[in-house]
Amino acid sequence: MEFLENVIQKIKARIKSDLFIVKEALAKETDETKEMIITYMKFSQGKASKKEMKLANKQFQSFLKTIGLGTLAVLPLAPFTIPLIVKLGRHFGIDIIPNSFKRPSKEL
């Protein structure tokens, strides 16, 4: 039982560490990363086209590979990857979306 608890704690620590890496990388925004996040925010409101999502997913895969988390880039259901990561971040008390991306949804 103690072994299982230790494994779970190590997994949680790794997830937290990876989320902080994503947060820091997103904070160093590039134009492509900014467009990617805007597209995902539009998607969450049902306003992103399939073409926009394809480009955003491609950029997200590139982004994850760049920061050393390439394994996340191959997750199934790619359009849901960022919302899942955001939700995981919230669960661990980490807001991974930089403030510069937060603006009223009417601007999207």
N, C-alpha and C. Protein backbone atom coordinates (compact mmCIF):
# COMPACT_ATOMS: atom_id res chain seq x y z
N MET A 1 0.82 -1.19 0.00
CA MET A 1 0.00 0.00 0.00
C MET A 1 0.87 1.26 0.00
N GLU A 2 1.90 1.26 0.82
CA GLU A 2 2.79 2.41 0.88
C GLU A 2 3.52 2.61 -0.45
N PHE A 3 3.87 1.51 -1.09
CA PHE A 3 4.52 1.58 -2.40
C PHE A 3 3.62 2.29 -3.41
N LEU A 4 2.35 1.91 -3.42
CA LEU A 4 1.39 2.52 -4.35
C LEU A 4 1.23 4.02 -4.08
N GLU A 5 1.18 4.39 -2.82
CA GLU A 5 1.08 5.80 -2.45
C GLU A 5 2.31 6.57 -2.91
N ASN A 6 3.49 5.98 -2.78
CA ASN A 6 4.73 6.62 -3.25
C ASN A 6 4.72 6.80 -4.76
N VAL A 7 4.24 5.80 -5.48
CA VAL A 7 4.15 5.88 -6.94
C VAL A 7 3.20 6.99 -7.34
N ILE A 8 2.05 7.06 -6.69
CA ILE A 8 1.07 8.10 -6.99
C ILE A 8 1.65 9.48 -6.71
N GLN A 9 2.36 9.63 -5.61
CA GLN A 9 2.98 10.92 -5.28
C GLN A 9 4.02 11.31 -6.31
N LYS A 10 4.79 10.35 -6.81
CA LYS A 10 5.80 10.64 -7.83
C LYS A 10 5.13 11.05 -9.14
N ILE A 11 4.03 10.39 -9.48
CA ILE A 11 3.30 10.75 -10.70
C ILE A 11 2.74 12.17 -10.58
N LYS A 12 2.15 12.48 -9.43
CA LYS A 12 1.62 13.83 -9.21
C LYS A 12 2.73 14.88 -9.29
N ALA A 13 3.87 14.58 -8.70
CA ALA A 13 5.00 15.53 -8.74
C ALA A 13 5.47 15.73 -10.18
N ARG A 14 5.51 14.67 -10.97
CA ARG A 14 5.93 14.77 -12.38
C ARG A 14 4.93 15.61 -13.18
N ILE A 15 3.64 15.38 -12.95
CA ILE A 15 2.62 16.16 -13.64
C ILE A 15 2.76 17.63 -13.30
N LYS A 16 2.93 17.94 -12.01
CA LYS A 16 3.11 19.33 -11.60
C LYS A 16 4.33 19.95 -12.26
N SER A 17 5.42 19.21 -12.27
CA SER A 17 6.65 19.70 -12.88
C SER A 17 6.43 19.98 -14.37
N ASP A 18 5.80 19.06 -15.07
CA ASP A 18 5.54 19.24 -16.50
C ASP A 18 4.60 20.41 -16.76
N LEU A 19 3.61 20.60 -15.88
CA LEU A 19 2.70 21.74 -16.05
C LEU A 19 3.43 23.06 -15.87
N PHE A 20 4.36 23.12 -14.93
CA PHE A 20 5.15 24.34 -14.76
C PHE A 20 6.02 24.61 -15.99
N ILE A 21 6.54 23.55 -16.60
CA ILE A 21 7.32 23.72 -17.83
C ILE A 21 6.44 24.30 -18.93
N VAL A 22 5.24 23.76 -19.07
CA VAL A 22 4.30 24.28 -20.08
C VAL A 22 3.97 25.74 -19.80
N LYS A 23 3.70 26.05 -18.54
CA LYS A 23 3.36 27.43 -18.16
C LYS A 23 4.50 28.39 -18.52
N GLU A 24 5.71 28.04 -18.16
CA GLU A 24 6.86 28.91 -18.46
C GLU A 24 7.07 29.06 -19.96
N ALA A 25 6.91 27.98 -20.69
CA ALA A 25 7.09 28.05 -22.14
C ALA A 25 6.01 28.91 -22.79
N LEU A 26 4.78 28.79 -22.31
CA LEU A 26 3.70 29.61 -22.86
C LEU A 26 3.91 31.08 -22.54
N ALA A 27 4.51 31.36 -21.41
CA ALA A 27 4.76 32.75 -21.03
C ALA A 27 5.74 33.42 -21.99
N LYS A 28 6.62 32.62 -22.59
CA LYS A 28 7.56 33.14 -23.59
C LYS A 28 6.88 33.03 -24.96
N GLU A 29 5.81 33.77 -25.08
CA GLU A 29 4.94 33.61 -26.24
C GLU A 29 5.59 34.03 -27.56
N THR A 30 5.37 33.22 -28.54
CA THR A 30 5.72 33.58 -29.90
C THR A 30 4.41 33.88 -30.61
N ASP A 31 4.49 34.47 -31.77
CA ASP A 31 3.26 34.76 -32.52
C ASP A 31 2.48 33.48 -32.80
N GLU A 32 3.20 32.41 -33.15
CA GLU A 32 2.52 31.14 -33.46
C GLU A 32 1.84 30.57 -32.22
N THR A 33 2.50 30.65 -31.08
CA THR A 33 1.92 30.13 -29.84
C THR A 33 0.70 30.95 -29.45
N LYS A 34 0.79 32.26 -29.61
CA LYS A 34 -0.33 33.12 -29.27
C LYS A 34 -1.54 32.79 -30.16
N GLU A 35 -1.31 32.63 -31.44
CA GLU A 35 -2.40 32.27 -32.35
C GLU A 35 -2.99 30.91 -31.99
N MET A 36 -2.12 29.97 -31.60
CA MET A 36 -2.57 28.64 -31.22
C MET A 36 -3.52 28.72 -30.03
N ILE A 37 -3.14 29.47 -29.01
CA ILE A 37 -3.97 29.57 -27.82
C ILE A 37 -5.28 30.29 -28.13
N ILE A 38 -5.21 31.32 -28.93
CA ILE A 38 -6.44 32.02 -29.32
C ILE A 38 -7.37 31.07 -30.06
N THR A 39 -6.81 30.25 -30.95
CA THR A 39 -7.63 29.28 -31.68
C THR A 39 -8.27 28.29 -30.72
N TYR A 40 -7.52 27.79 -29.74
CA TYR A 40 -8.11 26.85 -28.78
C TYR A 40 -9.19 27.54 -27.94
N MET A 41 -8.99 28.79 -27.61
CA MET A 41 -10.02 29.51 -26.87
C MET A 41 -11.27 29.68 -27.74
N LYS A 42 -11.07 29.97 -29.03
CA LYS A 42 -12.20 30.06 -29.95
C LYS A 42 -12.90 28.71 -30.08
N PHE A 43 -12.12 27.62 -30.13
CA PHE A 43 -12.69 26.28 -30.21
C PHE A 43 -13.59 25.99 -29.02
N SER A 44 -13.15 26.41 -27.83
CA SER A 44 -13.94 26.16 -26.62
C SER A 44 -15.28 26.88 -26.66
N GLN A 45 -15.40 27.87 -27.55
CA GLN A 45 -16.65 28.62 -27.73
C GLN A 45 -17.36 28.22 -29.02
N GLY A 46 -16.83 27.22 -29.69
CA GLY A 46 -17.45 26.75 -30.93
C GLY A 46 -17.24 27.68 -32.11
N LYS A 47 -16.16 28.47 -32.08
CA LYS A 47 -15.94 29.48 -33.12
C LYS A 47 -14.71 29.22 -34.00
N ALA A 48 -14.02 28.11 -33.83
CA ALA A 48 -12.81 27.84 -34.61
C ALA A 48 -13.15 26.91 -35.78
N SER A 49 -12.56 27.20 -36.92
CA SER A 49 -12.78 26.35 -38.10
C SER A 49 -11.88 25.12 -38.01
N LYS A 50 -12.19 24.13 -38.86
CA LYS A 50 -11.37 22.91 -38.91
C LYS A 50 -9.95 23.25 -39.34
N LYS A 51 -9.82 24.17 -40.27
CA LYS A 51 -8.49 24.57 -40.74
C LYS A 51 -7.69 25.21 -39.61
N GLU A 52 -8.33 26.10 -38.86
CA GLU A 52 -7.66 26.75 -37.72
C GLU A 52 -7.23 25.71 -36.69
N MET A 53 -8.10 24.74 -36.44
CA MET A 53 -7.77 23.71 -35.46
C MET A 53 -6.61 22.83 -35.94
N LYS A 54 -6.59 22.54 -37.23
CA LYS A 54 -5.50 21.72 -37.76
C LYS A 54 -4.17 22.45 -37.57
N LEU A 55 -4.16 23.75 -37.87
CA LEU A 55 -2.93 24.54 -37.69
C LEU A 55 -2.55 24.65 -36.21
N ALA A 56 -3.55 24.85 -35.35
CA ALA A 56 -3.28 24.97 -33.91
C ALA A 56 -2.74 23.66 -33.36
N ASN A 57 -3.30 22.54 -33.78
CA ASN A 57 -2.82 21.24 -33.30
C ASN A 57 -1.39 20.98 -33.77
N LYS A 58 -1.10 21.35 -35.00
CA LYS A 58 0.26 21.18 -35.51
C LYS A 58 1.24 22.04 -34.70
N GLN A 59 0.86 23.28 -34.42
CA GLN A 59 1.71 24.17 -33.62
C GLN A 59 1.87 23.62 -32.21
N PHE A 60 0.80 23.07 -31.63
CA PHE A 60 0.88 22.53 -30.28
C PHE A 60 1.83 21.35 -30.22
N GLN A 61 1.79 20.49 -31.22
CA GLN A 61 2.71 19.36 -31.27
C GLN A 61 4.15 19.85 -31.34
N SER A 62 4.39 20.85 -32.18
CA SER A 62 5.72 21.43 -32.30
C SER A 62 6.15 22.06 -30.98
N PHE A 63 5.25 22.78 -30.35
CA PHE A 63 5.50 23.43 -29.07
C PHE A 63 5.91 22.41 -28.01
N LEU A 64 5.15 21.31 -27.90
CA LEU A 64 5.45 20.29 -26.90
C LEU A 64 6.79 19.62 -27.16
N LYS A 65 7.10 19.39 -28.42
CA LYS A 65 8.40 18.80 -28.75
C LYS A 65 9.52 19.75 -28.36
N THR A 66 9.31 21.03 -28.60
CA THR A 66 10.32 22.05 -28.29
C THR A 66 10.63 22.09 -26.80
N ILE A 67 9.60 21.95 -25.97
CA ILE A 67 9.83 22.04 -24.52
C ILE A 67 10.09 20.67 -23.89
N GLY A 68 10.24 19.66 -24.72
CA GLY A 68 10.61 18.35 -24.20
C GLY A 68 9.46 17.51 -23.71
N LEU A 69 8.26 17.85 -24.07
CA LEU A 69 7.09 17.06 -23.65
C LEU A 69 6.41 16.46 -24.87
N GLY A 70 7.19 16.03 -25.82
CA GLY A 70 6.68 15.50 -27.08
C GLY A 70 5.71 14.36 -26.94
N THR A 71 5.78 13.63 -25.84
CA THR A 71 4.85 12.52 -25.67
C THR A 71 3.41 13.01 -25.59
N LEU A 72 3.20 14.23 -25.09
CA LEU A 72 1.84 14.77 -25.05
C LEU A 72 1.33 15.09 -26.45
N ALA A 73 2.22 15.29 -27.37
CA ALA A 73 1.82 15.66 -28.73
C ALA A 73 1.14 14.51 -29.46
N VAL A 74 1.33 13.30 -28.99
CA VAL A 74 0.72 12.16 -29.67
C VAL A 74 -0.53 11.66 -28.96
N LEU A 75 -1.01 12.40 -27.99
CA LEU A 75 -2.22 12.00 -27.30
C LEU A 75 -3.39 11.97 -28.28
N PRO A 76 -4.29 11.00 -28.11
CA PRO A 76 -5.47 10.98 -28.97
C PRO A 76 -6.36 12.18 -28.66
N LEU A 77 -7.23 12.50 -29.57
CA LEU A 77 -8.16 13.61 -29.40
C LEU A 77 -7.43 14.94 -29.21
N ALA A 78 -6.51 15.22 -30.09
CA ALA A 78 -5.66 16.41 -29.99
C ALA A 78 -6.42 17.71 -29.72
N PRO A 79 -7.61 17.94 -30.29
CA PRO A 79 -8.29 19.21 -29.99
C PRO A 79 -8.62 19.40 -28.52
N PHE A 80 -8.60 18.33 -27.76
CA PHE A 80 -8.94 18.43 -26.35
C PHE A 80 -7.70 18.45 -25.45
N THR A 81 -6.52 18.41 -26.06
CA THR A 81 -5.30 18.32 -25.28
C THR A 81 -5.07 19.55 -24.41
N ILE A 82 -5.15 20.74 -24.99
CA ILE A 82 -4.93 21.95 -24.18
C ILE A 82 -5.99 22.09 -23.09
N PRO A 83 -7.28 21.94 -23.41
CA PRO A 83 -8.25 22.02 -22.31
C PRO A 83 -7.98 21.01 -21.19
N LEU A 84 -7.52 19.82 -21.56
CA LEU A 84 -7.18 18.82 -20.56
C LEU A 84 -6.00 19.28 -19.72
N ILE A 85 -4.99 19.84 -20.36
CA ILE A 85 -3.82 20.32 -19.63
C ILE A 85 -4.21 21.49 -18.72
N VAL A 86 -5.07 22.38 -19.22
CA VAL A 86 -5.54 23.51 -18.40
C VAL A 86 -6.29 22.98 -17.18
N LYS A 87 -7.15 21.99 -17.41
CA LYS A 87 -7.91 21.42 -16.29
C LYS A 87 -6.98 20.73 -15.29
N LEU A 88 -5.99 19.99 -15.78
CA LEU A 88 -5.02 19.37 -14.88
C LEU A 88 -4.28 20.44 -14.07
N GLY A 89 -3.91 21.51 -14.76
CA GLY A 89 -3.23 22.61 -14.07
C GLY A 89 -4.07 23.17 -12.94
N ARG A 90 -5.35 23.41 -13.23
CA ARG A 90 -6.24 23.93 -12.20
C ARG A 90 -6.34 22.95 -11.03
N HIS A 91 -6.40 21.66 -11.35
CA HIS A 91 -6.48 20.64 -10.29
C HIS A 91 -5.27 20.72 -9.36
N PHE A 92 -4.11 21.02 -9.94
CA PHE A 92 -2.88 21.11 -9.15
C PHE A 92 -2.58 22.55 -8.71
N GLY A 93 -3.51 23.47 -8.95
CA GLY A 93 -3.32 24.84 -8.52
C GLY A 93 -2.36 25.65 -9.39
N ILE A 94 -2.24 25.25 -10.67
CA ILE A 94 -1.33 25.93 -11.60
C ILE A 94 -2.14 26.49 -12.75
N ASP A 95 -2.14 27.80 -12.90
CA ASP A 95 -2.82 28.43 -14.02
C ASP A 95 -1.81 28.55 -15.15
N ILE A 96 -1.90 27.67 -16.16
CA ILE A 96 -0.85 27.63 -17.19
C ILE A 96 -1.06 28.65 -18.30
N ILE A 97 -2.23 29.24 -18.41
CA ILE A 97 -2.46 30.23 -19.46
C ILE A 97 -1.94 31.58 -18.97
N PRO A 98 -0.96 32.15 -19.68
CA PRO A 98 -0.40 33.44 -19.27
C PRO A 98 -1.46 34.55 -19.29
N ASN A 99 -1.32 35.52 -18.41
CA ASN A 99 -2.28 36.62 -18.33
C ASN A 99 -2.42 37.36 -19.65
N SER A 100 -1.35 37.41 -20.44
CA SER A 100 -1.42 38.13 -21.70
C SER A 100 -2.42 37.51 -22.67
N PHE A 101 -2.81 36.26 -22.43
CA PHE A 101 -3.79 35.60 -23.30
C PHE A 101 -5.21 35.76 -22.78
N LYS A 102 -5.33 36.23 -21.56
CA LYS A 102 -6.66 36.33 -20.95
C LYS A 102 -7.25 37.69 -21.30
N ARG A 103 -8.32 37.62 -22.04
CA ARG A 103 -9.03 38.84 -22.39
C ARG A 103 -10.48 38.48 -22.56
N PRO A 104 -11.36 39.46 -22.59
CA PRO A 104 -12.78 39.15 -22.71
C PRO A 104 -13.06 38.29 -23.95
N SER A 105 -13.93 37.31 -23.79
CA SER A 105 -14.21 36.38 -24.88
C SER A 105 -14.83 37.06 -26.10
N LYS A 106 -15.42 38.22 -25.95
CA LYS A 106 -16.02 38.90 -27.10
C LYS A 106 -14.97 39.34 -28.11
N GLU A 107 -13.69 39.42 -27.69
CA GLU A 107 -12.63 39.82 -28.61
C GLU A 107 -12.16 38.68 -29.49
N LEU A 108 -12.53 37.44 -29.17
CA LEU A 108 -12.07 36.28 -29.93
C LEU A 108 -12.80 36.14 -31.21
